[in-house]
Amino acid sequence: MKTYKVSFLETFRSEDILRERRVSPVPEFLSNSDDEFQMNNRFDYFIVDPEDEYSGEGKVKSFIFLFHGLNERSWDKYNSWAEELAKRTGRGVVMFPLAFHMNRSPVEWSNVRLMSSFIGRLAGKKRARKENLTFANYALSSRIKSDPYRFYISGKQTIFNVCQLIDQIHRGEHPVIDKGAKFDIFAYSIGGLLSQVLLQSDPMGRFSNCRLFMFCAGSVFRKMDGNSRLIMDRESYYILKRYYSSRFIKLFKKREQLDSIDKAFISHIGTRALRRERLRFYMENYQRVKVVSLKQDRVIPTKGIKRALGSVWPKCLEELDFTYKYSHEMPFPVNIPEKDSKEYWFKEVFRRAADFLSKQ
C-alpha cells in the first residue's frame, strides 16, 4: 500500500468563486475574508494506491474518490477507510478535501484553547452547553451564522475543483493517475450531497458512467440535522435550514438562468422546487447508486434518504444497525469494548462498498 501526496492549484472558475466569496461578511473571530485564505485554493490531497493497480506507464488506471463529512479537519478518521477500499477493490483511492475543510482551512480553527476562548468570551459556557456550541464546531458555526450562503458556495467550489482534476487526468497531465482512468465515488455524510449534485448536474459530461456508494449519506437537505457538538451548534443549523428552505430558493428563482449545479442542489433541498427532476434522475440512474444508512443515525436519517431517492429506494438502499453504541459522527468509534463487533461491521460496510465499486 502506497500513499501519494499531490499538490493542487485551483484555476477552473476560480475568479467566479472569489467574486462570490468577497460578498460574505467576516465572522467575529476572523480578521480575513474568505477570498484571502490561500490554503483553500492551493492545497495537497492524497492518493492511496494498493500497488497492484498500474498501467504500462506506471500510473493508477482506476480509482475511487473518497469524500468526507462536514466540519472535518483531519484525515485520521478516513485513513483506514481508504486503505480498506483500496485493498478490497484493487483501485486507487483519492482523498480529496472539500473547500475550507481538512488542510484547506487554517490550523487555528482546530486550536482547542483559541476556539474555547472565543466561546467563553462571546457565548458563555452555559449558553454554549445549551446550544451544542463547542471548540470543535465554533469556526463553522460562526461562519454559517455570518453568511449561510457559504455552505453552497463551498460545495460549488469543490465541484469545480473535482472537474478541474478530472480534466487534468483526461489530458494526461496527472503525475500519478493514468489519463484513461475509470473513476467512481465513495461518499460519507455531506460528501454524499456533494456527490448527488455532482452526478445529477454532470457539469463536464464526465460523470454519466460514474457509480456512487454512499455511507450515512444521501438525504434531502430538509431531513438532515446538523445540530451536533462535532458539526455545528443548534442556532447555526436552524439558520442554515431556514435559509435553504426559503430564501435561497426565492433568490435563485429571480435569476434568469440557473446552471445544472444550481438546479441539482435545489432539487435536493427537499421542497417542491425541482422535485420531479430529482426523482427522474434516480429513476433513470438507480443502478449506479448504492446507499448504506444506519438506524441510529439522527444527522442523516434513513427517512430522508428515502425521500431523496423516491420510489426506487428499495432497489438501492440498505439500513444497518450496529451492535454497539455508535453515532453518525463516529460510526466506528475508537476505544470501545466491543472491538470484535466494530471490526465485523467495519468489514461489512466496506465489503458492500467494494462489491459495488469493484471493477466490472
Protein backbone atom coordinates (compact mmCIF):
# COMPACT_ATOMS: atom_id res chain seq x y z
CA MET A 1 0.00 0.00 0.00
CA LYS A 2 1.39 3.39 -1.01
CA THR A 3 0.14 6.90 -0.26
CA TYR A 4 0.99 9.79 -2.58
CA LYS A 5 0.68 13.48 -1.70
CA VAL A 6 -0.29 15.56 -4.73
CA SER A 7 -0.44 19.37 -4.95
CA PHE A 8 -3.50 21.14 -6.33
CA LEU A 9 -3.77 24.75 -7.51
CA GLU A 10 -7.28 25.96 -8.23
CA THR A 11 -7.68 27.53 -11.68
CA PHE A 12 -11.04 26.41 -13.10
CA ARG A 13 -13.74 29.05 -12.40
CA SER A 14 -11.54 30.45 -9.61
CA GLU A 15 -12.46 34.07 -10.33
CA ASP A 16 -16.17 33.21 -10.18
CA ILE A 17 -15.72 31.65 -6.74
CA LEU A 18 -13.60 34.52 -5.43
CA ARG A 19 -16.21 37.01 -6.63
CA GLU A 20 -18.92 35.15 -4.71
CA ARG A 21 -16.78 34.87 -1.57
CA ARG A 22 -15.93 38.56 -1.42
CA VAL A 23 -19.52 39.46 -0.56
CA SER A 24 -19.62 37.27 2.56
CA PRO A 25 -19.13 39.23 5.79
CA VAL A 26 -16.19 38.36 8.05
CA PRO A 27 -17.22 36.45 11.22
CA GLU A 28 -16.36 37.99 14.58
CA PHE A 29 -13.46 35.66 15.31
CA LEU A 30 -11.72 36.21 11.95
CA SER A 31 -9.67 39.08 10.56
CA ASN A 32 -9.64 37.85 6.96
CA SER A 33 -12.36 37.49 4.34
CA ASP A 34 -12.87 34.09 2.70
CA ASP A 35 -11.11 35.05 -0.51
CA GLU A 36 -7.87 35.77 1.39
CA PHE A 37 -7.28 32.22 2.65
CA GLN A 38 -4.77 30.91 0.14
CA MET A 39 -4.69 27.39 1.63
CA ASN A 40 -8.24 26.92 0.34
CA ASN A 41 -7.09 27.42 -3.24
CA ARG A 42 -3.64 25.79 -3.08
CA PHE A 43 -3.51 22.54 -1.12
CA ASP A 44 -2.47 18.89 -1.09
CA TYR A 45 -4.66 15.83 -1.48
CA PHE A 46 -3.79 12.16 -1.05
CA ILE A 47 -3.96 9.03 -3.19
CA VAL A 48 -3.89 5.60 -1.57
CA ASP A 49 -2.62 3.03 -4.07
CA PRO A 50 -2.84 -0.75 -3.45
CA GLU A 51 0.34 -1.11 -5.56
CA ASP A 52 -1.11 -3.65 -7.98
CA GLU A 53 -3.14 -1.06 -9.92
CA TYR A 54 -0.64 0.02 -12.57
CA SER A 55 -0.87 0.71 -16.26
CA GLY A 56 2.03 0.28 -18.62
CA GLU A 57 3.20 3.79 -17.76
CA GLY A 58 3.28 3.04 -14.05
CA LYS A 59 0.18 5.08 -13.20
CA VAL A 60 -3.07 4.27 -11.40
CA LYS A 61 -5.61 3.36 -14.07
CA SER A 62 -8.74 3.05 -11.93
CA PHE A 63 -9.67 4.98 -8.78
CA ILE A 64 -12.37 5.94 -6.28
CA PHE A 65 -12.95 9.42 -4.90
CA LEU A 66 -13.45 9.46 -1.12
CA PHE A 67 -15.48 12.48 0.01
CA HIS A 68 -15.67 13.19 3.75
CA GLY A 69 -18.18 14.77 6.11
CA LEU A 70 -18.98 18.32 7.23
CA ASN A 71 -16.62 20.18 9.59
CA GLU A 72 -13.77 17.69 9.26
CA ARG A 73 -10.23 18.93 10.00
CA SER A 74 -8.19 15.71 9.82
CA TRP A 75 -7.92 12.66 7.59
CA ASP A 76 -7.17 10.40 10.60
CA LYS A 77 -10.71 9.01 10.64
CA TYR A 78 -10.56 8.13 6.96
CA ASN A 79 -7.12 6.60 6.51
CA SER A 80 -8.35 3.12 7.41
CA TRP A 81 -11.42 3.62 5.20
CA ALA A 82 -9.27 4.48 2.19
CA GLU A 83 -6.89 1.59 2.80
CA GLU A 84 -9.77 -0.88 3.17
CA LEU A 85 -11.35 0.35 -0.06
CA ALA A 86 -8.04 0.14 -1.92
CA LYS A 87 -7.30 -3.33 -0.58
CA ARG A 88 -10.73 -4.75 -1.33
CA THR A 89 -11.21 -3.20 -4.77
CA GLY A 90 -7.63 -3.13 -6.06
CA ARG A 91 -8.23 0.51 -7.06
CA GLY A 92 -6.59 3.75 -6.04
CA VAL A 93 -8.48 5.95 -3.58
CA VAL A 94 -8.31 9.75 -3.95
CA MET A 95 -8.87 11.50 -0.61
CA PHE A 96 -9.96 14.93 -1.83
CA PRO A 97 -10.80 17.69 0.71
CA LEU A 98 -13.93 19.80 0.47
CA ALA A 99 -13.48 23.58 0.38
CA PHE A 100 -12.48 25.05 3.76
CA HIS A 101 -12.09 21.57 5.27
CA MET A 102 -9.12 19.42 6.24
CA ASN A 103 -5.89 21.13 5.17
CA ARG A 104 -7.89 23.72 3.20
CA SER A 105 -8.69 25.62 6.42
CA PRO A 106 -6.47 27.47 8.91
CA VAL A 107 -4.96 25.30 11.66
CA GLU A 108 -6.25 27.84 14.18
CA TRP A 109 -9.79 26.61 13.58
CA SER A 110 -8.78 23.36 15.28
CA ASN A 111 -6.97 25.04 18.18
CA VAL A 112 -8.79 23.95 21.34
CA ARG A 113 -7.56 26.79 23.54
CA LEU A 114 -8.20 29.53 20.97
CA MET A 115 -11.69 28.37 19.96
CA SER A 116 -12.65 27.79 23.61
CA SER A 117 -11.58 31.33 24.46
CA PHE A 118 -13.92 32.72 21.78
CA ILE A 119 -16.80 30.66 23.16
CA GLY A 120 -16.21 31.88 26.70
CA ARG A 121 -15.94 35.49 25.63
CA LEU A 122 -18.78 35.70 23.10
CA ALA A 123 -21.23 33.00 24.15
CA GLY A 124 -20.54 31.93 27.69
CA LYS A 125 -20.28 28.35 28.96
CA LYS A 126 -23.94 27.99 29.97
CA ARG A 127 -25.27 29.10 26.60
CA ALA A 128 -22.63 27.04 24.81
CA ARG A 129 -23.81 23.85 26.53
CA LYS A 130 -27.44 24.62 25.73
CA GLU A 131 -26.68 25.36 22.08
CA ASN A 132 -24.23 22.48 21.49
CA LEU A 133 -21.50 25.03 20.80
CA THR A 134 -18.01 23.55 21.21
CA PHE A 135 -14.42 24.32 20.28
CA ALA A 136 -14.78 21.70 17.54
CA ASN A 137 -17.74 23.38 15.81
CA TYR A 138 -17.19 27.03 16.71
CA ALA A 139 -15.44 28.04 13.48
CA LEU A 140 -18.06 26.51 11.18
CA SER A 141 -20.95 27.70 13.36
CA SER A 142 -19.70 31.28 13.33
CA ARG A 143 -19.13 31.28 9.59
CA ILE A 144 -22.62 29.88 8.92
CA LYS A 145 -24.28 32.44 11.21
CA SER A 146 -22.40 35.22 9.46
CA ASP A 147 -23.50 34.03 5.99
CA PRO A 148 -25.26 30.68 5.37
CA TYR A 149 -24.60 31.07 1.63
CA ARG A 150 -21.06 29.91 2.43
CA PHE A 151 -22.39 26.34 2.62
CA TYR A 152 -23.46 26.33 -1.01
CA ILE A 153 -20.54 28.23 -2.49
CA SER A 154 -18.10 25.84 -0.76
CA GLY A 155 -19.91 22.89 -2.32
CA LYS A 156 -19.87 24.52 -5.74
CA GLN A 157 -16.18 25.36 -5.41
CA THR A 158 -15.42 21.73 -4.56
CA ILE A 159 -17.35 20.54 -7.62
CA PHE A 160 -15.33 22.92 -9.81
CA ASN A 161 -12.15 21.57 -8.22
CA VAL A 162 -13.14 17.96 -8.92
CA CYS A 163 -13.96 18.89 -12.52
CA GLN A 164 -10.55 20.53 -12.87
CA LEU A 165 -8.86 17.40 -11.53
CA ILE A 166 -10.80 15.12 -13.88
CA ASP A 167 -9.89 17.35 -16.80
CA GLN A 168 -6.22 17.28 -15.79
CA ILE A 169 -6.32 13.49 -15.70
CA HIS A 170 -8.00 13.23 -19.11
CA ARG A 171 -5.35 15.47 -20.63
CA GLY A 172 -2.67 13.07 -19.37
CA GLU A 173 -1.15 15.68 -17.05
CA HIS A 174 -1.61 13.94 -13.70
CA PRO A 175 1.59 12.65 -12.06
CA VAL A 176 0.00 9.53 -10.54
CA ILE A 177 -3.25 8.73 -12.40
CA ASP A 178 -3.46 7.44 -15.99
CA LYS A 179 -5.38 9.60 -18.46
CA GLY A 180 -7.79 6.79 -19.28
CA ALA A 181 -8.57 6.02 -15.64
CA LYS A 182 -12.10 4.97 -14.73
CA PHE A 183 -13.43 6.55 -11.53
CA ASP A 184 -16.29 6.13 -9.07
CA ILE A 185 -17.19 7.72 -5.72
CA PHE A 186 -17.41 6.65 -2.07
CA ALA A 187 -19.15 9.40 -0.12
CA TYR A 188 -19.86 9.85 3.57
CA SER A 189 -22.20 12.35 5.22
CA ILE A 190 -22.28 15.75 3.45
CA GLY A 191 -19.91 14.30 0.87
CA GLY A 192 -22.96 12.36 -0.28
CA LEU A 193 -24.94 15.52 -1.02
CA LEU A 194 -21.95 16.88 -2.92
CA SER A 195 -21.80 13.67 -4.96
CA GLN A 196 -25.54 13.60 -5.64
CA VAL A 197 -25.36 17.13 -7.02
CA LEU A 198 -22.23 16.26 -9.00
CA LEU A 199 -23.77 13.21 -10.67
CA GLN A 200 -27.12 14.82 -11.40
CA SER A 201 -25.62 18.03 -12.78
CA ASP A 202 -22.72 16.35 -14.61
CA PRO A 203 -21.23 19.79 -15.41
CA MET A 204 -18.49 18.48 -17.73
CA GLY A 205 -20.20 15.41 -19.13
CA ARG A 206 -17.67 13.18 -17.35
CA PHE A 207 -19.89 11.53 -14.75
CA SER A 208 -22.51 9.67 -16.78
CA ASN A 209 -20.87 6.29 -16.05
CA CYS A 210 -19.70 7.08 -12.53
CA ARG A 211 -21.07 4.90 -9.70
CA LEU A 212 -21.80 6.32 -6.26
CA PHE A 213 -21.69 4.45 -2.95
CA MET A 214 -22.96 6.49 -0.01
CA PHE A 215 -22.49 5.65 3.66
CA CYS A 216 -24.52 7.63 6.23
CA ALA A 217 -25.43 9.95 3.38
CA GLY A 218 -27.99 10.67 0.69
CA SER A 219 -30.81 12.52 2.46
CA VAL A 220 -32.62 15.56 1.14
CA PHE A 221 -31.29 18.61 2.96
CA ARG A 222 -34.51 19.38 4.87
CA LYS A 223 -34.43 16.00 6.62
CA MET A 224 -30.83 16.34 7.83
CA ASP A 225 -29.97 17.52 11.34
CA GLY A 226 -26.56 19.16 11.62
CA ASN A 227 -27.06 20.23 15.24
CA SER A 228 -24.08 18.42 16.74
CA ARG A 229 -21.14 19.10 19.03
CA LEU A 230 -18.89 17.94 16.19
CA ILE A 231 -20.65 19.65 13.28
CA MET A 232 -22.40 22.96 14.15
CA ASP A 233 -24.41 24.41 17.01
CA ARG A 234 -28.18 24.46 17.25
CA GLU A 235 -28.67 28.09 16.24
CA SER A 236 -26.37 27.80 13.22
CA TYR A 237 -28.16 24.77 11.88
CA TYR A 238 -31.60 26.37 12.27
CA ILE A 239 -30.31 29.44 10.42
CA LEU A 240 -28.90 27.20 7.69
CA LYS A 241 -32.08 25.17 7.36
CA ARG A 242 -34.37 28.22 7.21
CA TYR A 243 -32.12 29.91 4.66
CA TYR A 244 -32.05 27.00 2.20
CA SER A 245 -35.70 26.07 2.68
CA SER A 246 -36.92 29.53 1.75
CA ARG A 247 -34.65 32.47 0.99
CA PHE A 248 -32.13 30.57 -1.13
CA ILE A 249 -34.79 29.15 -3.45
CA LYS A 250 -36.51 32.53 -3.83
CA LEU A 251 -33.15 34.13 -4.60
CA PHE A 252 -32.38 31.67 -7.38
CA LYS A 253 -35.88 31.86 -8.84
CA LYS A 254 -35.20 35.52 -9.56
CA ARG A 255 -32.18 34.68 -11.67
CA GLU A 256 -32.72 34.48 -15.40
CA GLN A 257 -30.60 31.36 -15.78
CA LEU A 258 -29.67 28.54 -13.42
CA ASP A 259 -26.79 26.25 -14.25
CA SER A 260 -27.00 22.48 -13.85
CA ILE A 261 -25.31 22.58 -10.42
CA ASP A 262 -27.80 25.14 -9.08
CA LYS A 263 -30.72 23.03 -10.29
CA ALA A 264 -29.36 19.76 -8.90
CA PHE A 265 -28.74 21.28 -5.48
CA ILE A 266 -32.15 22.96 -5.31
CA SER A 267 -33.80 19.67 -6.24
CA HIS A 268 -32.07 18.01 -3.23
CA ILE A 269 -33.18 20.60 -0.68
CA GLY A 270 -36.44 18.71 -0.33
CA THR A 271 -39.08 21.31 -1.01
CA ARG A 272 -41.27 21.04 -4.08
CA ALA A 273 -38.78 23.03 -6.14
CA LEU A 274 -37.41 20.85 -8.97
CA ARG A 275 -38.58 17.70 -7.18
CA ARG A 276 -39.53 15.99 -10.44
CA GLU A 277 -36.03 16.48 -11.83
CA ARG A 278 -34.50 14.75 -8.79
CA LEU A 279 -36.91 11.81 -8.90
CA ARG A 280 -36.41 11.41 -12.64
CA PHE A 281 -32.63 11.29 -12.14
CA TYR A 282 -32.83 8.43 -9.62
CA MET A 283 -35.47 6.58 -11.63
CA GLU A 284 -33.09 6.57 -14.59
CA ASN A 285 -29.84 6.02 -12.66
CA TYR A 286 -30.59 3.96 -9.55
CA GLN A 287 -28.36 1.15 -10.87
CA ARG A 288 -25.39 3.49 -10.36
CA VAL A 289 -26.28 4.33 -6.75
CA LYS A 290 -25.94 2.25 -3.58
CA VAL A 291 -26.65 3.57 -0.07
CA VAL A 292 -25.97 2.11 3.38
CA SER A 293 -27.68 4.02 6.20
CA LEU A 294 -27.63 3.46 9.97
CA LYS A 295 -30.76 3.04 12.06
CA GLN A 296 -29.49 5.21 14.94
CA ASP A 297 -28.22 7.98 12.66
CA ARG A 298 -30.07 11.21 13.52
CA VAL A 299 -27.90 13.50 11.36
CA ILE A 300 -28.65 11.73 8.06
CA PRO A 301 -31.77 9.65 8.84
CA THR A 302 -32.94 6.83 6.61
CA LYS A 303 -36.30 8.53 6.06
CA GLY A 304 -34.52 11.49 4.47
CA ILE A 305 -32.63 9.19 2.11
CA LYS A 306 -35.87 7.51 1.07
CA ARG A 307 -37.33 10.95 0.36
CA ALA A 308 -34.36 11.78 -1.88
CA LEU A 309 -34.42 8.52 -3.84
CA GLY A 310 -38.17 8.37 -4.28
CA SER A 311 -39.86 5.14 -5.35
CA VAL A 312 -36.59 3.40 -6.28
CA TRP A 313 -35.20 3.39 -2.72
CA PRO A 314 -35.88 -0.35 -2.11
CA LYS A 315 -33.56 -1.13 -5.03
CA CYS A 316 -30.54 0.76 -3.76
CA LEU A 317 -30.88 1.48 -0.02
CA GLU A 318 -29.97 -0.79 2.90
CA GLU A 319 -30.31 0.18 6.56
CA LEU A 320 -27.96 -1.41 9.12
CA ASP A 321 -27.92 -1.23 12.92
CA PHE A 322 -24.53 -1.93 14.51
CA THR A 323 -24.42 -3.99 17.69
CA TYR A 324 -22.53 -1.38 19.72
CA LYS A 325 -23.06 2.28 20.60
CA TYR A 326 -22.35 4.42 17.57
CA SER A 327 -23.37 7.73 16.03
CA HIS A 328 -23.36 9.39 12.63
CA GLU A 329 -20.22 11.30 13.53
CA MET A 330 -18.48 8.18 14.87
CA PRO A 331 -19.79 5.07 13.13
CA PHE A 332 -16.61 3.21 14.16
CA PRO A 333 -15.62 4.82 17.48
CA VAL A 334 -12.20 4.19 18.98
CA ASN A 335 -11.58 2.65 22.39
CA ILE A 336 -14.84 0.76 22.82
CA PRO A 337 -15.04 -2.67 24.49
CA GLU A 338 -16.87 -4.27 21.54
CA LYS A 339 -13.79 -4.28 19.33
CA ASP A 340 -14.69 -7.51 17.55
CA SER A 341 -18.18 -6.25 16.81
CA LYS A 342 -16.84 -2.95 15.50
CA GLU A 343 -14.36 -4.75 13.27
CA TYR A 344 -17.11 -7.01 11.95
CA TRP A 345 -19.38 -4.10 10.98
CA PHE A 346 -16.48 -2.11 9.55
CA LYS A 347 -15.71 -5.01 7.23
CA GLU A 348 -19.38 -5.49 6.37
CA VAL A 349 -19.79 -1.86 5.30
CA PHE A 350 -16.65 -1.88 3.18
CA ARG A 351 -17.42 -5.30 1.75
CA ARG A 352 -20.67 -3.84 0.45
CA ALA A 353 -18.83 -0.79 -0.86
CA ALA A 354 -16.18 -2.92 -2.57
CA ASP A 355 -18.75 -5.26 -4.13
CA PHE A 356 -20.45 -2.24 -5.67
CA LEU A 357 -17.34 -0.29 -6.66
CA SER A 358 -15.04 -3.11 -7.79
CA LYS A 359 -14.10 -3.18 -11.45
CA GLN A 360 -16.55 -4.92 -13.76
